[in-house]
Protein backbone atom coordinates (compact mmCIF):
# COMPACT_ATOMS: atom_id res chain seq x y z
CA MET A 1 150.72 170.88 100.89
CA GLY A 2 149.38 167.42 102.24
CA GLU A 3 147.32 165.58 99.42
CA LYS A 4 143.92 166.03 99.86
CA ARG A 5 141.81 163.33 101.38
CA THR A 6 138.33 162.49 100.05
CA VAL A 7 135.96 161.31 102.93
CA ILE A 8 132.97 159.62 101.74
CA TYR A 9 130.16 159.27 104.36
CA LYS A 10 126.95 157.14 103.83
CA LEU A 11 123.75 159.33 104.20
CA GLU A 12 121.16 157.05 105.66
CA ARG A 13 117.23 158.25 106.49
CA HIS A 14 116.75 157.96 110.08
CA LYS A 15 113.31 156.44 110.76
CA TRP A 16 110.92 158.19 113.05
CA PRO A 17 110.23 156.40 116.27
CA ASP A 18 106.26 155.79 115.00
CA GLU A 19 107.62 154.02 112.04
CA ILE A 20 110.58 152.00 114.08
CA GLU A 21 107.32 150.73 116.17
CA ALA A 22 105.27 150.19 113.20
CA GLU A 23 107.84 147.38 111.48
CA LYS A 24 108.36 145.91 115.10
CA LYS A 25 104.81 145.28 115.41
CA ALA A 26 104.47 144.21 111.81
CA ARG A 27 107.57 141.57 112.71
CA ARG A 28 106.21 140.46 115.46
CA ARG A 29 102.80 139.67 113.93
CA LYS A 30 104.97 137.49 111.40
CA LEU A 31 106.61 135.87 114.41
CA ALA A 32 103.48 135.46 116.25
CA LEU A 33 102.01 133.40 113.00
CA VAL A 34 105.55 131.27 112.90
CA CYS A 35 105.22 130.28 116.39
CA SER A 36 101.49 129.85 116.25
CA CYS A 37 102.56 127.18 113.21
CA LEU A 38 105.22 125.82 114.92
CA LEU A 39 102.85 124.98 117.92
CA PHE A 40 100.36 123.46 115.52
CA PHE A 41 102.87 120.85 114.33
CA VAL A 42 104.82 120.52 117.64
CA ALA A 43 102.46 120.22 120.42
CA GLY A 44 99.24 119.85 118.83
CA PHE A 45 100.10 116.00 119.18
CA PHE A 46 99.68 116.48 123.12
CA VAL A 47 96.67 118.60 123.80
CA ALA A 48 94.95 115.62 125.25
CA LYS A 49 98.02 114.19 126.90
CA GLY A 50 96.86 115.03 130.57
CA THR A 51 99.65 115.73 133.02
CA GLN A 52 102.24 114.98 129.96
CA GLY A 53 100.29 118.17 127.92
CA THR A 54 101.70 120.57 131.22
CA VAL A 55 105.18 119.47 130.64
CA VAL A 56 105.46 119.49 126.97
CA SER A 57 103.94 123.07 127.22
CA GLY A 58 106.79 123.99 129.00
CA GLU A 59 109.20 122.41 126.54
CA ALA A 60 107.67 123.84 123.86
CA SER A 61 107.49 127.36 125.46
CA ALA A 62 111.30 126.92 125.62
CA GLU A 63 111.70 126.06 122.07
CA MET A 64 109.41 129.45 121.54
CA GLU A 65 111.98 131.71 123.32
CA LYS A 66 114.74 129.95 121.09
CA LEU A 67 113.03 130.36 118.00
CA GLU A 68 112.69 134.06 119.16
CA SER A 69 116.82 134.69 119.64
CA VAL A 70 117.35 132.69 116.43
CA TYR A 71 115.73 135.26 114.50
CA ALA A 72 116.72 138.51 116.82
CA ILE A 73 120.21 137.14 115.88
CA LEU A 74 120.04 136.79 112.52
CA ASN A 75 117.86 139.68 111.86
CA GLU A 76 120.21 142.24 113.94
CA ASP A 77 123.79 140.71 113.76
CA TRP A 78 124.20 138.42 111.01
CA TYR A 79 127.00 139.77 108.63
CA PHE A 80 125.55 138.80 105.24
CA GLY A 81 122.31 140.05 106.48
CA LYS A 82 123.01 143.44 105.14
CA ASP A 83 123.02 142.48 101.62
CA ILE A 84 119.21 141.14 101.75
CA ASP A 85 116.11 143.20 100.90
CA ASP A 86 113.62 143.14 103.77
CA LEU A 87 115.36 140.68 105.97
CA SER A 88 113.06 140.16 108.64
CA SER A 89 110.60 139.01 106.15
CA VAL A 90 112.73 136.42 104.68
CA LEU A 91 113.81 134.91 107.82
CA LEU A 92 110.29 134.47 108.74
CA GLU A 93 109.44 133.17 105.27
CA LYS A 94 111.92 130.63 105.71
CA ALA A 95 111.27 129.38 109.14
CA ILE A 96 107.36 128.71 108.01
CA SER A 97 108.41 127.36 104.71
CA ALA A 98 110.80 124.95 106.70
CA MET A 99 108.48 123.98 109.57
CA ALA A 100 105.74 123.02 106.85
CA PHE A 101 108.25 120.88 104.96
CA SER A 102 107.99 116.99 105.21
CA GLU A 103 110.12 114.30 103.68
CA THR A 104 106.88 112.31 104.34
CA ASP A 105 104.53 114.08 103.63
CA PRO A 106 105.02 116.29 100.11
CA HIS A 107 101.63 117.50 100.06
CA THR A 108 101.80 119.74 103.43
CA TYR A 109 103.43 123.16 102.40
CA TYR A 110 103.33 127.07 103.01
CA MET A 111 102.42 129.00 100.03
CA SER A 112 103.66 132.37 98.95
CA GLN A 113 101.16 134.76 97.83
CA GLU A 114 101.68 133.74 94.20
CA ASP A 115 101.54 130.10 94.57
CA ALA A 116 98.39 130.48 96.87
CA GLN A 117 96.90 132.21 94.04
CA ASN A 118 98.10 129.53 91.41
CA PHE A 119 96.66 126.83 93.46
CA SER A 120 93.60 128.47 94.14
CA SER A 121 93.26 129.15 90.14
CA SER A 122 93.71 125.66 89.08
CA LEU A 123 91.52 124.50 91.14
CA GLU A 124 88.45 126.52 89.59
CA GLY A 125 88.18 124.88 86.52
CA THR A 126 86.90 128.11 84.62
CA PHE A 127 87.56 130.42 82.16
CA VAL A 128 85.77 133.17 79.80
CA GLY A 129 86.00 131.69 76.22
CA ILE A 130 84.32 129.89 73.43
CA GLY A 131 85.61 126.41 75.29
CA ILE A 132 87.64 124.53 72.54
CA GLN A 133 91.62 123.16 72.44
CA PHE A 134 92.99 123.30 69.01
CA TYR A 135 96.70 122.12 68.31
CA GLN A 136 98.70 123.27 64.64
CA ASN A 137 99.44 119.87 62.42
CA SER A 138 102.37 119.54 60.15
CA GLN A 139 100.44 121.27 57.33
CA GLY A 140 100.25 124.32 59.37
CA GLN A 141 96.68 123.42 59.87
CA TYR A 142 94.57 124.47 62.94
CA VAL A 143 92.73 121.67 64.23
CA VAL A 144 90.33 121.63 67.48
CA SER A 145 91.40 118.86 69.48
CA ALA A 146 88.55 119.40 72.35
CA VAL A 147 85.14 121.14 72.81
CA PHE A 148 84.06 121.63 76.37
CA GLU A 149 80.90 120.67 77.85
CA ASN A 150 77.93 122.90 77.61
CA SER A 151 80.73 125.77 76.36
CA PRO A 152 79.29 127.96 73.55
CA ALA A 153 81.67 126.24 71.06
CA GLN A 154 79.57 123.33 71.45
CA GLN A 155 76.51 125.01 71.46
CA ALA A 156 77.29 126.77 68.23
CA GLY A 157 78.09 123.39 66.50
CA ILE A 158 81.88 123.17 66.34
CA GLN A 159 83.15 119.62 66.91
CA ARG A 160 86.38 118.06 67.45
CA GLY A 161 88.47 117.53 64.27
CA ASP A 162 87.27 120.69 62.62
CA LEU A 163 89.80 122.80 61.03
CA LEU A 164 89.98 126.67 61.87
CA ILE A 165 90.01 128.53 58.88
CA SER A 166 89.76 132.58 59.76
CA VAL A 167 89.30 133.59 63.27
CA MET A 168 87.82 137.74 63.19
CA GLY A 169 88.36 137.94 59.48
CA GLN A 170 91.89 137.03 59.81
CA GLU A 171 93.52 133.85 57.98
CA CYS A 172 94.97 131.35 60.52
CA SER A 173 97.10 130.11 57.99
CA SER A 174 99.37 132.97 58.62
CA LEU A 175 98.89 133.40 62.32
CA SER A 176 100.42 131.87 65.33
CA SER A 177 98.73 129.75 67.96
CA GLY A 178 99.10 132.47 70.24
CA LYS A 179 97.82 135.19 68.03
CA ILE A 180 94.58 133.05 67.37
CA GLN A 181 94.08 132.54 71.25
CA GLU A 182 94.51 136.72 71.56
CA LEU A 183 91.72 136.83 68.88
CA LEU A 184 89.17 134.54 70.50
CA ALA A 185 90.20 136.19 74.16
CA LEU A 186 86.93 138.34 73.87
CA SER A 187 84.56 139.58 76.67
CA GLU A 188 81.28 138.31 77.27
CA ASP A 189 79.25 141.14 75.08
CA GLU A 190 81.35 140.32 72.28
CA THR A 191 81.06 137.90 69.42
CA ALA A 192 83.61 135.77 67.76
CA GLN A 193 83.31 135.32 63.96
CA ILE A 194 84.99 132.26 63.27
CA VAL A 195 85.19 130.09 60.03
CA ILE A 196 85.83 126.54 59.74
CA GLU A 197 85.95 123.54 57.21
CA ARG A 198 84.56 120.03 57.99
CA GLY A 199 84.66 117.42 55.75
CA GLY A 200 85.73 120.27 52.83
CA GLN A 201 83.17 122.39 53.31
CA GLN A 202 83.56 125.55 55.07
CA GLN A 203 80.89 127.27 57.18
CA THR A 204 80.66 130.48 59.23
CA ILE A 205 80.17 130.61 62.87
CA SER A 206 79.15 133.43 65.10
CA VAL A 207 79.92 132.45 68.88
CA GLN A 208 79.67 134.61 71.74
CA PRO A 209 82.19 133.67 74.82
CA ALA A 210 80.60 132.71 78.23
CA VAL A 211 82.07 131.08 81.35
CA VAL A 212 83.35 128.15 80.55
CA ASP A 213 84.50 125.01 82.77
CA ASN A 214 87.36 123.37 80.99
CA THR A 215 87.34 119.95 82.93
CA VAL A 216 85.02 117.84 81.12
CA ALA A 217 84.80 117.28 77.44
CA ALA A 218 82.52 114.37 75.95
CA TYR A 219 81.91 112.91 72.83
CA VAL A 220 79.12 110.41 71.07
CA GLU A 221 81.09 107.73 69.05
CA ASP A 222 79.70 104.84 67.24
CA GLY A 223 78.88 102.28 69.65
CA TYR A 224 80.06 104.13 72.91
CA GLY A 225 80.58 107.79 74.35
CA TYR A 226 84.05 108.92 75.44
CA VAL A 227 84.20 111.35 78.66
CA VAL A 228 87.63 113.12 79.24
CA LEU A 229 87.40 114.57 82.79
CA SER A 230 90.94 116.69 83.39
CA SER A 231 90.01 117.78 86.87
CA PHE A 232 87.45 117.81 89.93
CA ALA A 233 86.85 121.92 89.95
CA GLU A 234 83.41 123.38 91.33
CA ASN A 235 81.29 122.87 88.09
CA SER A 236 82.64 119.52 86.82
CA GLY A 237 79.65 117.55 88.54
CA ALA A 238 77.12 119.73 86.74
CA ASP A 239 79.02 119.33 83.51
CA MET A 240 79.42 115.37 83.96
CA GLN A 241 75.56 114.83 84.61
CA SER A 242 74.99 116.99 81.39
CA ALA A 243 77.55 114.73 79.33
CA LEU A 244 76.68 111.53 80.49
CA GLN A 245 72.86 112.04 80.06
CA ARG A 246 73.44 113.56 76.37
CA ILE A 247 75.30 110.20 75.62
CA ARG A 248 72.49 108.06 76.96
CA ASP A 249 70.30 110.06 75.07
CA ALA A 250 72.06 109.25 72.11
CA GLY A 251 71.24 105.68 72.91
CA GLU A 252 74.60 104.62 73.76
CA THR A 253 74.87 102.14 76.54
CA LYS A 254 78.93 102.12 77.22
CA ILE A 255 81.38 104.91 77.64
CA ILE A 256 85.13 105.26 77.96
CA LEU A 257 85.94 107.46 80.90
CA ASP A 258 89.31 109.13 80.37
CA LEU A 259 90.92 109.58 83.65
CA ARG A 260 94.72 109.95 82.33
CA ASP A 261 96.99 112.68 83.84
CA ASN A 262 94.19 113.88 86.12
CA GLY A 263 95.97 114.74 89.17
CA GLY A 264 92.60 115.17 91.49
CA GLY A 265 90.85 118.32 92.85
CA TYR A 266 88.35 118.79 95.24
CA LEU A 267 86.87 115.83 97.10
CA ARG A 268 83.24 117.07 97.08
CA SER A 269 83.43 117.18 93.34
CA ALA A 270 84.47 113.60 93.84
CA LEU A 271 81.45 112.71 95.36
CA ASP A 272 79.65 114.76 92.96
CA ILE A 273 80.78 112.96 90.19
CA ALA A 274 80.25 109.77 91.50
CA ALA A 275 76.48 110.36 91.99
CA CYS A 276 77.00 110.71 88.47
CA PHE A 277 77.24 106.92 88.11
CA LEU A 278 76.20 105.48 91.60
CA PRO A 279 72.71 105.19 93.24
CA GLN A 280 72.24 107.61 95.97
CA GLY A 281 73.15 106.21 99.41
CA THR A 282 76.18 104.52 97.96
CA THR A 283 79.45 104.77 100.14
CA VAL A 284 82.45 106.54 98.07
CA PHE A 285 85.32 106.42 100.39
CA GLN A 286 86.19 106.39 104.30
CA SER A 287 88.41 109.05 105.89
CA GLU A 288 90.71 108.45 109.07
CA ASN A 289 91.74 111.65 110.80
CA ARG A 290 94.64 111.88 113.33
CA ALA A 291 92.94 110.37 116.13
CA GLY A 292 92.30 107.25 114.12
CA GLU A 293 88.55 107.90 113.92
CA ARG A 294 86.90 107.37 110.34
CA THR A 295 84.26 108.75 108.69
CA THR A 296 82.33 107.64 105.60
CA TYR A 297 81.27 109.69 102.84
CA GLN A 298 78.16 108.95 100.46
CA VAL A 299 77.58 110.30 96.95
CA SER A 300 76.17 113.66 96.71
CA ASP A 301 72.39 114.09 96.78
CA GLU A 302 72.67 116.70 94.02
CA ARG A 303 73.13 114.68 90.81
CA THR A 304 71.24 111.65 89.45
CA GLN A 305 72.58 108.33 88.44
CA VAL A 306 72.98 107.98 84.80
CA THR A 307 73.29 103.94 84.25
CA PHE A 308 75.46 102.25 81.82
CA ASP A 309 76.32 98.87 81.10
CA GLN A 310 79.95 98.49 80.63
CA ILE A 311 82.36 101.59 81.72
CA ILE A 312 86.21 101.34 80.70
CA ILE A 313 88.19 103.75 82.77
CA LEU A 314 91.57 104.50 81.19
CA MET A 315 94.37 105.92 83.72
CA ASN A 316 98.09 106.24 84.20
CA GLU A 317 100.78 106.65 86.27
CA ASN A 318 99.27 110.67 87.18
CA THR A 319 95.93 109.84 87.72
CA ALA A 320 95.74 110.86 91.60
CA SER A 321 93.76 111.88 94.72
CA ALA A 322 90.36 112.31 93.95
CA SER A 323 90.71 110.21 90.36
CA GLU A 324 91.16 107.33 93.01
CA VAL A 325 88.38 108.08 95.18
CA LEU A 326 86.11 107.83 92.04
CA ILE A 327 88.18 104.63 90.51
CA SER A 328 87.59 102.80 93.60
CA ALA A 329 84.04 103.65 94.11
CA LEU A 330 83.03 102.52 90.80
CA ASP A 331 84.99 99.48 90.83
CA GLU A 332 83.86 98.47 93.99
CA ASN A 333 80.34 99.25 93.79
CA LEU A 334 79.38 98.18 89.93
CA GLY A 335 81.78 95.27 89.87
CA ASP A 336 82.08 93.47 86.61
CA GLN A 337 80.41 96.78 84.96
CA VAL A 338 83.98 98.73 85.39
CA ILE A 339 86.95 97.48 83.28
CA MET A 340 90.22 99.39 84.22
CA VAL A 341 92.93 100.08 81.51
CA GLY A 342 96.42 101.54 81.59
CA ASN A 343 98.69 102.11 84.46
CA THR A 344 98.86 101.95 88.21
CA THR A 345 97.88 105.14 89.74
CA TYR A 346 99.52 107.49 91.50
CA GLY A 347 98.71 106.39 94.97
CA LYS A 348 97.81 109.70 96.67
CA GLY A 349 95.58 108.84 99.61
CA THR A 350 95.18 112.00 101.92
CA MET A 351 93.09 114.69 102.10
CA GLN A 352 94.51 118.58 102.65
CA THR A 353 92.95 121.71 103.62
CA SER A 354 94.29 125.23 102.99
CA VAL A 355 94.45 128.17 105.79
CA PRO A 356 94.79 131.45 104.10
CA PHE A 357 96.74 134.58 106.18
CA SER A 358 95.86 138.06 105.32
CA ASP A 359 98.80 138.66 103.54
CA GLY A 360 97.65 136.05 100.97
CA THR A 361 99.80 133.39 101.55
CA SER A 362 98.32 130.16 102.58
CA LEU A 363 99.55 127.04 104.75
CA LYS A 364 98.03 123.35 103.06
CA TYR A 365 98.21 120.56 105.25
CA THR A 366 97.02 116.97 105.76
CA THR A 367 94.44 116.38 107.58
CA ALA A 368 93.50 112.61 107.14
CA GLN A 369 94.19 109.89 105.13
CA TRP A 370 91.19 108.45 102.94
CA PHE A 371 90.55 104.68 102.05
CA SER A 372 88.18 103.12 99.28
CA SER A 373 84.63 102.20 100.13
CA GLN A 374 85.80 98.54 101.17
CA GLY A 375 88.69 99.99 103.56
CA LYS A 376 91.04 99.29 101.26
CA GLN A 377 94.53 101.73 101.47
CA ILE A 378 95.66 103.74 98.28
CA ASN A 379 98.28 106.14 99.46
CA GLY A 380 101.64 104.93 98.56
CA VAL A 381 99.87 101.59 96.34
CA GLY A 382 97.65 103.28 94.22
CA ILE A 383 95.08 101.36 92.01
CA THR A 384 96.29 98.30 89.49
CA PRO A 385 94.64 98.05 85.98
CA ASP A 386 92.56 95.00 84.72
CA VAL A 387 94.41 95.62 81.55
CA GLU A 388 98.05 96.86 81.85
CA VAL A 389 98.97 98.93 78.40
CA SER A 390 101.30 101.41 78.40
CA LEU A 391 102.15 104.00 76.00
CA ASP A 392 105.10 105.24 74.60
CA GLU A 393 107.35 107.25 76.80
CA ALA A 394 107.44 110.30 74.74
CA ARG A 395 103.91 110.87 75.45
CA SER A 396 104.52 111.58 78.99
CA ILE A 397 107.98 112.40 79.56
CA GLY A 398 108.12 116.16 78.98
CA MET A 399 110.94 118.68 78.59
CA PRO A 400 112.86 120.03 81.97
CA ASP A 401 112.32 123.68 82.42
CA TYR A 402 115.59 125.72 81.08
CA SER A 403 115.28 129.32 81.69
CA GLU A 404 118.99 130.22 80.87
CA GLU A 405 120.77 129.59 77.60
CA ILE A 406 121.44 125.37 77.05
CA SER A 407 124.31 123.83 75.21
CA VAL A 408 124.97 119.86 75.35
CA SER A 409 127.65 118.51 73.20
CA PRO A 410 127.84 115.05 72.74
CA ASP A 411 130.00 112.21 75.23
CA SER A 412 128.45 114.63 78.24
CA VAL A 413 125.38 114.08 81.00
CA ALA A 414 122.38 116.53 81.39
CA ALA A 415 119.17 115.91 82.26
CA ILE A 416 117.33 117.28 79.35
CA ALA A 417 119.51 114.86 77.53
CA ARG A 418 117.10 111.94 77.99
CA PRO A 419 113.31 113.66 77.06
CA VAL A 420 115.83 115.02 73.81
CA GLN A 421 117.11 111.26 72.95
CA VAL A 422 113.41 109.67 73.71
CA TYR A 423 111.74 112.72 71.51
CA LEU A 424 114.29 111.61 68.33
CA ARG A 425 113.60 108.00 68.75
CA PHE A 426 109.99 108.60 68.87
CA LEU A 427 110.29 110.49 65.75
CA GLY A 428 112.30 107.84 63.92
CA TYR A 429 115.53 109.12 64.36
CA ASP A 430 118.46 106.58 65.31
CA ALA A 431 119.25 108.08 68.83
CA ASP A 432 120.88 104.67 70.70
CA ARG A 433 119.95 105.79 74.11
CA SER A 434 117.30 107.06 76.43
CA ASP A 435 119.12 108.32 79.79
CA GLU A 436 120.80 111.45 80.51
CA TYR A 437 124.14 110.55 78.89
CA PHE A 438 124.15 112.37 75.42
CA SER A 439 125.88 110.42 73.03
CA ALA A 440 127.90 110.41 69.92
CA ALA A 441 125.17 108.47 67.70
CA SER A 442 122.36 110.47 69.73
CA SER A 443 123.81 113.92 68.34
CA GLN A 444 124.33 112.31 64.92
CA ALA A 445 120.65 111.71 64.99
CA LEU A 446 119.79 115.11 66.55
CA ALA A 447 121.93 116.77 63.36
CA GLN A 448 119.53 115.02 60.82
CA PHE A 449 116.89 116.54 62.63
CA GLN A 450 117.88 119.94 62.51
CA ARG A 451 119.01 119.61 58.96
CA ASP A 452 114.86 118.32 58.73
CA GLN A 453 113.84 121.14 60.51
CA GLY A 454 116.19 123.90 58.86
CA LEU A 455 118.25 124.48 62.03
CA GLU A 456 122.00 124.60 62.35
CA ALA A 457 122.82 120.91 62.20
CA ASP A 458 125.80 120.93 64.93
CA GLY A 459 124.44 117.90 66.76
CA ILE A 460 124.41 120.20 69.95
CA ILE A 461 121.42 120.15 72.22
CA ASP A 462 120.41 124.29 72.36
CA ASN A 463 117.15 125.93 73.60
CA GLU A 464 115.67 126.10 69.92
CA THR A 465 116.37 122.73 69.31
CA ALA A 466 115.01 121.64 72.27
CA SER A 467 111.71 123.49 71.56
CA ALA A 468 111.49 122.10 67.97
CA LEU A 469 111.62 118.74 69.28
CA ALA A 470 109.15 118.61 71.87
CA ASN A 471 106.62 120.64 69.14
CA ALA A 472 107.47 118.06 66.88
CA ALA A 473 107.29 115.09 68.89
CA SER A 474 103.67 116.89 69.82
CA VAL A 475 102.64 117.14 66.16
CA TYR A 476 103.32 113.62 65.82
CA TRP A 477 101.36 112.45 68.57
CA ASN A 478 97.89 114.56 67.49
CA GLU A 479 98.28 113.46 63.80
CA HIS A 480 98.79 109.72 64.79
CA GLU A 481 97.01 109.64 68.18
CA ASP A 482 94.13 107.15 66.76
CA GLU A 483 97.59 104.39 65.86
CA LEU A 484 99.64 105.64 68.86
CA ASP A 485 97.28 105.57 72.02
CA THR A 486 97.01 101.82 72.41
CA GLN A 487 95.13 102.68 75.69
CA MET A 488 92.30 103.75 73.90
CA ARG A 489 92.56 101.43 71.01
CA LYS A 490 92.89 98.68 74.02
CA ALA A 491 89.78 100.40 75.39
CA VAL A 492 87.36 100.17 71.88
CA ASP A 493 88.74 96.65 71.48
CA ILE A 494 87.11 95.76 74.91
CA ILE A 495 83.40 97.84 74.38
CA ASN A 496 83.21 96.24 70.64
CA GLY A 497 83.88 92.95 71.92
CA ARG A 498 87.14 92.42 70.38
CA GLU A 499 89.10 91.55 73.33
CA ALA A 500 88.26 89.02 75.69
CA ILE A 501 88.76 90.00 79.73
């Protein structure tokens, strides 16, 4: 008898005609979206060009046919397409993303469902909680570093610098920061029981969580008010009004407005906040659309001006967009009352809008460029401070994202070597470089850090060491902020008349 031969048949589920037609309709709808986006970017400019518009419209139609042909070929005949799940959607998503990409405009792009949701959430600026931030110091104590304006924590009397002793009956010294956050993640109908320590005295505080705006934190200091604005969200204007009035009611006539690392937010929020500093009718900025037409924007009529004799603005290279709108408006309209301290700002002088689609995705694109109230260009230029002061690089460098295991030996080049060596020098270790080359001397310095932290002292950069190093640098900054924050120190010197401008 001949050798038995086994034949394997691939079993496939054959789709019903109505299923096939439904899928085709879904793909056509997605392809129509691609085509409409392409027409928006390619042909829109020629709408008002008379007879030229007819010619270009025909060319655009030919491009649409080519796009459909390329899509059909790749979707039906591309060999490697068999290895990609939901190939038609992948092709269409890539086509849309590619159309929205521009090297000259990094702020125009297509957002997936997840990206669109994250972007929207980042602008909300609210959460349900008690309204504090805290960090763990080198002694293992948890220290309150920020109390947000109008938050339950502020109303309950919690202050910046308080020590968290226990939360919900559990000693904080035995808890991770994540566990403390979990214990405080209560609903609005629950009550948080917290024991704090201030000046060596402990007290128990009951706090009921509520919706909190986490963009404004303000403090009354000796001789001035200090306001931190982290972004321009929906409720930032109301909280800014409250914070400024509270500082003024305390008798302070000078403030430090901290806009460092504030990347912007809603421009309408910038108009709202500007109204807290400027009189009604004041121009905040101008915008210019694609046709070259300019529009002037004035302060919101929903806020009331709170006057100060002196406003010191802290800013850095990450201060951008709506922050630059506010800075330029205060500088140009209040004159010598405003002094800017820090570094030149980012220089984002463009305005964007988002168009949501029914599937949860969104197109964010630039609609205009904005200029200062006096017509000065900010985009690509930024705003130069009156007093240039830089912080240690360790304050802003940050560790790169690493999702995989890393292992960097001495005498090699890696992106993570730069922050590692910067952090080592910041912490007082003898790293001899601060670039992406990981030297033998820096490896020896890292080995000493590893010994001090109880880690394997092999002088090799790995995930555990990188995480420990970033955490140590953060703790060191928090514990020595009064000394290390040279920008804030300069602002206080100016406020107190110890620095001539």
